[in-house]
């Protein structure tokens, strides 16, 4: 009987381990976006660009999504935004330059518990606006 208990305990452990691994793998949405992660409700990714262009892209994407800006705090190498949608759900976006200077780390959190799918869509919209800005920087 103890052999069966050990077998079931081992199977449960394998299932939990496999489900944890599958949650952390994300498919890249763009060539500019790297190191995508979704942990504890916060979606983060690294984007190869400058703070100037990414700031413009975030503001344009949030304007297109009809989000209402509440806070915009810019401090040299970091930027924090707080938006609300029509249902008063909070959207927080944090931009921070990487230490090696190769790009910007973007963190997105939607709602109190986080929303992976909506965060990915918002990052995709930011990346689309970034590509438009990079192709036509005179805007």
C-alpha atoms as a PDB file:
ATOM      1  CA  UNK A   1       0.000   0.000   0.000  1.00  0.00           C
ATOM      2  CA  UNK A   2       2.836   2.410   0.733  1.00  0.00           C
ATOM      3  CA  UNK A   3       4.170   1.839  -2.808  1.00  0.00           C
ATOM      4  CA  UNK A   4       0.879   3.108  -4.264  1.00  0.00           C
ATOM      5  CA  UNK A   5       0.979   6.199  -2.045  1.00  0.00           C
ATOM      6  CA  UNK A   6       4.526   6.975  -3.159  1.00  0.00           C
ATOM      7  CA  UNK A   7       3.554   6.458  -6.796  1.00  0.00           C
ATOM      8  CA  UNK A   8       0.586   8.848  -6.543  1.00  0.00           C
ATOM      9  CA  UNK A   9       2.669  11.401  -4.645  1.00  0.00           C
ATOM     10  CA  UNK A  10       5.323  11.231  -7.353  1.00  0.00           C
ATOM     11  CA  UNK A  11       2.706  11.618 -10.104  1.00  0.00           C
ATOM     12  CA  UNK A  12       1.219  14.672  -8.375  1.00  0.00           C
ATOM     13  CA  UNK A  13       4.671  16.197  -8.068  1.00  0.00           C
ATOM     14  CA  UNK A  14       5.373  15.595 -11.780  1.00  0.00           C
ATOM     15  CA  UNK A  15       2.039  17.152 -12.818  1.00  0.00           C
ATOM     16  CA  UNK A  16       2.653  20.238 -10.653  1.00  0.00           C
ATOM     17  CA  UNK A  17       6.189  20.619 -12.019  1.00  0.00           C
ATOM     18  CA  UNK A  18       5.002  20.360 -15.622  1.00  0.00           C
ATOM     19  CA  UNK A  19       2.216  22.888 -15.096  1.00  0.00           C
ATOM     20  CA  UNK A  20       4.657  25.385 -13.531  1.00  0.00           C
ATOM     21  CA  UNK A  21       7.039  25.079 -16.466  1.00  0.00           C
ATOM     22  CA  UNK A  22       4.260  25.614 -18.998  1.00  0.00           C
ATOM     23  CA  UNK A  23       3.126  28.824 -17.280  1.00  0.00           C
ATOM     24  CA  UNK A  24       6.482  30.526 -17.606  1.00  0.00           C
ATOM     25  CA  UNK A  25       7.064  29.952 -21.322  1.00  0.00           C
ATOM     26  CA  UNK A  26       5.759  32.700 -23.581  1.00  0.00           C
ATOM     27  CA  UNK A  27       6.054  33.113 -27.289  1.00  0.00           C
ATOM     28  CA  UNK A  28       7.834  36.278 -28.365  1.00  0.00           C
ATOM     29  CA  UNK A  29       5.569  38.862 -29.930  1.00  0.00           C
ATOM     30  CA  UNK A  30       8.249  40.820 -31.779  1.00  0.00           C
ATOM     31  CA  UNK A  31      11.897  40.815 -32.700  1.00  0.00           C
ATOM     32  CA  UNK A  32      12.430  43.863 -30.444  1.00  0.00           C
ATOM     33  CA  UNK A  33      10.864  42.166 -27.392  1.00  0.00           C
ATOM     34  CA  UNK A  34      12.989  39.783 -25.329  1.00  0.00           C
ATOM     35  CA  UNK A  35      12.896  38.081 -21.902  1.00  0.00           C
ATOM     36  CA  UNK A  36       9.121  38.016 -21.587  1.00  0.00           C
ATOM     37  CA  UNK A  37       7.872  36.855 -18.201  1.00  0.00           C
ATOM     38  CA  UNK A  38       4.580  36.745 -16.381  1.00  0.00           C
ATOM     39  CA  UNK A  39       4.960  36.420 -12.635  1.00  0.00           C
ATOM     40  CA  UNK A  40       2.561  37.233  -9.825  1.00  0.00           C
ATOM     41  CA  UNK A  41       0.283  39.267 -12.081  1.00  0.00           C
ATOM     42  CA  UNK A  42       3.015  41.419 -13.626  1.00  0.00           C
ATOM     43  CA  UNK A  43       4.012  40.993 -17.262  1.00  0.00           C
ATOM     44  CA  UNK A  44       7.563  42.099 -18.016  1.00  0.00           C
ATOM     45  CA  UNK A  45       9.712  42.245 -21.134  1.00  0.00           C
ATOM     46  CA  UNK A  46      12.876  43.902 -22.431  1.00  0.00           C
ATOM     47  CA  UNK A  47      12.647  46.113 -25.516  1.00  0.00           C
ATOM     48  CA  UNK A  48      15.654  47.307 -27.513  1.00  0.00           C
ATOM     49  CA  UNK A  49      15.002  51.028 -27.915  1.00  0.00           C
ATOM     50  CA  UNK A  50      15.516  54.370 -26.188  1.00  0.00           C
ATOM     51  CA  UNK A  51      13.438  55.795 -23.344  1.00  0.00           C
ATOM     52  CA  UNK A  52      12.316  58.700 -25.556  1.00  0.00           C
ATOM     53  CA  UNK A  53      10.728  56.519 -28.238  1.00  0.00           C
ATOM     54  CA  UNK A  54       9.255  54.021 -25.753  1.00  0.00           C
ATOM     55  CA  UNK A  55       7.692  56.835 -23.708  1.00  0.00           C
ATOM     56  CA  UNK A  56       6.010  58.180 -26.840  1.00  0.00           C
ATOM     57  CA  UNK A  57       4.884  54.680 -27.849  1.00  0.00           C
ATOM     58  CA  UNK A  58       3.342  53.976 -24.421  1.00  0.00           C
ATOM     59  CA  UNK A  59       1.443  57.259 -24.418  1.00  0.00           C
ATOM     60  CA  UNK A  60       0.189  56.695 -28.000  1.00  0.00           C
ATOM     61  CA  UNK A  61      -0.880  53.096 -27.333  1.00  0.00           C
ATOM     62  CA  UNK A  62      -2.739  54.034 -24.152  1.00  0.00           C
ATOM     63  CA  UNK A  63      -4.425  56.937 -25.937  1.00  0.00           C
ATOM     64  CA  UNK A  64      -5.585  54.559 -28.706  1.00  0.00           C
ATOM     65  CA  UNK A  65      -6.871  52.132 -26.047  1.00  0.00           C
ATOM     66  CA  UNK A  66      -8.844  55.045 -24.530  1.00  0.00           C
ATOM     67  CA  UNK A  67      -7.198  54.741 -21.145  1.00  0.00           C
ATOM     68  CA  UNK A  68      -7.412  57.733 -18.811  1.00  0.00           C
ATOM     69  CA  UNK A  69      -4.043  58.906 -17.477  1.00  0.00           C
ATOM     70  CA  UNK A  70      -3.845  59.520 -13.722  1.00  0.00           C
ATOM     71  CA  UNK A  71      -0.097  59.510 -13.019  1.00  0.00           C
ATOM     72  CA  UNK A  72       2.962  60.069 -15.213  1.00  0.00           C
ATOM     73  CA  UNK A  73       6.180  60.152 -13.203  1.00  0.00           C
ATOM     74  CA  UNK A  74       9.418  60.468 -15.170  1.00  0.00           C
ATOM     75  CA  UNK A  75      12.769  60.297 -13.373  1.00  0.00           C
ATOM     76  CA  UNK A  76      15.655  60.162 -15.843  1.00  0.00           C
ATOM     77  CA  UNK A  77      16.144  56.423 -16.330  1.00  0.00           C
ATOM     78  CA  UNK A  78      12.736  55.293 -15.039  1.00  0.00           C
ATOM     79  CA  UNK A  79       9.155  56.155 -15.876  1.00  0.00           C
ATOM     80  CA  UNK A  80       5.884  55.196 -14.159  1.00  0.00           C
ATOM     81  CA  UNK A  81       2.359  55.489 -15.576  1.00  0.00           C
ATOM     82  CA  UNK A  82      -0.985  54.812 -13.977  1.00  0.00           C
ATOM     83  CA  UNK A  83      -4.032  54.650 -16.208  1.00  0.00           C
ATOM     84  CA  UNK A  84      -7.656  53.642 -15.689  1.00  0.00           C
ATOM     85  CA  UNK A  85     -10.044  52.153 -18.208  1.00  0.00           C
ATOM     86  CA  UNK A  86     -13.786  52.847 -18.466  1.00  0.00           C
ATOM     87  CA  UNK A  87     -14.525  50.265 -15.753  1.00  0.00           C
ATOM     88  CA  UNK A  88     -12.055  51.947 -13.352  1.00  0.00           C
ATOM     89  CA  UNK A  89      -9.599  49.040 -13.640  1.00  0.00           C
ATOM     90  CA  UNK A  90      -6.084  50.224 -12.888  1.00  0.00           C
ATOM     91  CA  UNK A  91      -3.320  49.788 -15.464  1.00  0.00           C
ATOM     92  CA  UNK A  92       0.237  50.327 -14.226  1.00  0.00           C
ATOM     93  CA  UNK A  93       3.186  50.562 -16.611  1.00  0.00           C
ATOM     94  CA  UNK A  94       6.782  50.891 -15.439  1.00  0.00           C
ATOM     95  CA  UNK A  95       9.731  51.588 -17.744  1.00  0.00           C
ATOM     96  CA  UNK A  96      13.296  51.248 -16.510  1.00  0.00           C
ATOM     97  CA  UNK A  97      16.552  51.379 -18.427  1.00  0.00           C
ATOM     98  CA  UNK A  98      18.624  48.198 -18.308  1.00  0.00           C
ATOM     99  CA  UNK A  99      21.947  48.508 -16.517  1.00  0.00           C
ATOM    100  CA  UNK A 100      23.955  47.489 -19.573  1.00  0.00           C
ATOM    101  CA  UNK A 101      22.232  50.161 -21.689  1.00  0.00           C
ATOM    102  CA  UNK A 102      20.899  47.683 -24.238  1.00  0.00           C
ATOM    103  CA  UNK A 103      17.239  48.646 -23.870  1.00  0.00           C
ATOM    104  CA  UNK A 104      14.310  49.236 -21.555  1.00  0.00           C
ATOM    105  CA  UNK A 105      12.508  46.848 -19.175  1.00  0.00           C
ATOM    106  CA  UNK A 106       8.737  47.222 -19.410  1.00  0.00           C
ATOM    107  CA  UNK A 107       6.464  46.002 -16.605  1.00  0.00           C
ATOM    108  CA  UNK A 108       2.689  45.956 -17.087  1.00  0.00           C
ATOM    109  CA  UNK A 109       0.089  45.136 -14.449  1.00  0.00           C
ATOM    110  CA  UNK A 110      -3.620  45.309 -15.189  1.00  0.00           C
ATOM    111  CA  UNK A 111      -6.001  45.174 -12.238  1.00  0.00           C
ATOM    112  CA  UNK A 112      -5.123  44.056  -8.733  1.00  0.00           C
ATOM    113  CA  UNK A 113      -4.476  40.426  -9.636  1.00  0.00           C
ATOM    114  CA  UNK A 114      -3.012  40.993 -13.101  1.00  0.00           C
ATOM    115  CA  UNK A 115      -4.252  39.884 -16.503  1.00  0.00           C
ATOM    116  CA  UNK A 116      -1.787  38.073 -18.742  1.00  0.00           C
ATOM    117  CA  UNK A 117      -3.747  38.250 -21.994  1.00  0.00           C
ATOM    118  CA  UNK A 118      -4.582  41.950 -21.708  1.00  0.00           C
ATOM    119  CA  UNK A 119      -1.007  42.744 -20.713  1.00  0.00           C
ATOM    120  CA  UNK A 120       0.282  40.950 -23.813  1.00  0.00           C
ATOM    121  CA  UNK A 121      -2.175  42.861 -26.005  1.00  0.00           C
ATOM    122  CA  UNK A 122      -1.081  46.171 -24.494  1.00  0.00           C
ATOM    123  CA  UNK A 123       2.588  45.308 -25.005  1.00  0.00           C
ATOM    124  CA  UNK A 124       1.837  44.362 -28.611  1.00  0.00           C
ATOM    125  CA  UNK A 125       0.115  47.741 -29.121  1.00  0.00           C
ATOM    126  CA  UNK A 126       3.120  49.514 -27.576  1.00  0.00           C
ATOM    127  CA  UNK A 127       5.458  47.574 -29.857  1.00  0.00           C
ATOM    128  CA  UNK A 128       3.351  48.455 -32.920  1.00  0.00           C
ATOM    129  CA  UNK A 129       3.476  52.153 -32.016  1.00  0.00           C
ATOM    130  CA  UNK A 130       7.197  51.865 -31.403  1.00  0.00           C
ATOM    131  CA  UNK A 131       7.743  50.401 -34.870  1.00  0.00           C
ATOM    132  CA  UNK A 132       5.725  53.250 -36.401  1.00  0.00           C
ATOM    133  CA  UNK A 133       7.771  55.828 -34.492  1.00  0.00           C
ATOM    134  CA  UNK A 134      11.058  54.213 -35.464  1.00  0.00           C
ATOM    135  CA  UNK A 135      10.093  54.079 -39.134  1.00  0.00           C
ATOM    136  CA  UNK A 136       8.984  57.737 -39.111  1.00  0.00           C
ATOM    137  CA  UNK A 137      10.752  59.551 -36.221  1.00  0.00           C
ATOM    138  CA  UNK A 138       9.585  63.012 -37.340  1.00  0.00           C
ATOM    139  CA  UNK A 139       6.154  62.539 -35.713  1.00  0.00           C
END
